[in-house]
């Protein structure tokens, strides 16, 4: 473990030091956020055991930006101190860190990407899970993750472009019984160049080794070739063949072998994009779908994906960056970097920060759909999601968490009724079926807020919240209502 902590410190320092050798302009923005929250159920306790409390939060922090001609660095840090007036045992102080840096050390040839984060996450879906920062202390854990990834790019004129990348990363848990892990990954990609007009091709391969502290290991490797053809600007067809080389904990008879996949992409207009894939891999059928369409006011999204991944890979999924940003950004800042659909799809997926008590490998199927309508001053939207997860080892040791099905839906309305004032109302439900037991939970929430920019460097907001969990086990049910006032000042 001491060696790992040395690596963590080295990775964080490295976020800033290499870029300093280049012409970089640094900007430091300190800030502090204070909030007061009145709740009628501070611990999300079952009915009859609720205890009201007044909760104060003080969060000093800073943002450090370094921008150069061939480098971009950003480090965000925040200290979160949460105080309970009546039940001081629930008080806690945690750290939140998000750092990433991209360097182009040799023009269009050699690149290095580094990242580090410290986040607070839900430990288990079986225990009380609240929206915002309302999850009780006993069901939270802090996680540190870091990675370093050099990449070498070679251009062979207009014939092809080659990229070779290596990545090392690790995930560390603090005051948790979860298993730390690290991984090595090597990737090779050779893409066809401009000399191939309508036809296109790719040769690719990767190898990844993942290790958990409890001795669990997994190896994943793949080589593949892709050949496709563009029919005009709107339609492209392609096929992929390859071989999987895997070795991980599973009850399947085969964990590797040859595979194939065919696909089509159709973009009839600049605002419509559809891609579908179908094939066979060692785990059976392999399908994927992505549909995106925009009109003058509306946006439509539909996607499906399936495959085998580990708990670490799930935590590094499509919402990983949003999960980090949500701990630093206000709702207005999030809206500048993400769509409302992305924000609320993330809110519907508490499993993004939660995985099985036993680290392992899982087969997942995920559907996502979203619609939004923008009038200029108002944005309305609806999101739907369904995720099925099946353990590759079927241990049933993880307190019913190995296998589960989650379905969720929410709706939101954002209204900008002034140049400095915004309101946001959202409501949703997430249903979780733990398929290894008889337990079923429905988590409902309603939140309404108003935020106002008091000055160029000062914002304030007032929010009301209602949440409740309904379960076929009365001991797992709870209800909570709260009012939250927040003030943020930058210096």
Foldseek 3Di string as FASTA:
>chain_A
DVVVVVVQVVLVVVLPPVCVVADKDKDKWKKKKKKKKWKQALALFFPPPRHIWIKIKIKIWMWMWIDDPFKTKIKIKIWIWMATPPPRVQTDIDIWIWIKMKGDPDPVFKIKIKIKIKDKAFADPLADDDPDPRHTPVGIWIKIKIKMKMKGWDDPDQAKIKIKMKMKMWMDIDPAPFWIKIKIKIKIKIWGGVVDPFKIKMWIKMWMWMATPVGFIKIKIKTKMKIKGHDPDFKIKMKMKIWIDMDGDFPQPDDIGIKMKIKMWGDPDPFWIKIKMWMATSVGIFIKIWIWGDDPFKIKIKIKGKDKDWLVVLLVDPCVVVSSVVVPDDPVVVVVVDPPQSVVVVVQCSCSRYAFSDTGMKIKMKIKIKMWGHPPFKIKMKIKMKMWIAGRNPPCPRVLRRTKIKIKMKIKMKGRPDPFKIKIKMKMKMWMDSPVDRKIKIKIKIKIKMKGAPDPFKIKMKMKMWMWMDMPDSSNTGIMIMIMIMMMGMD
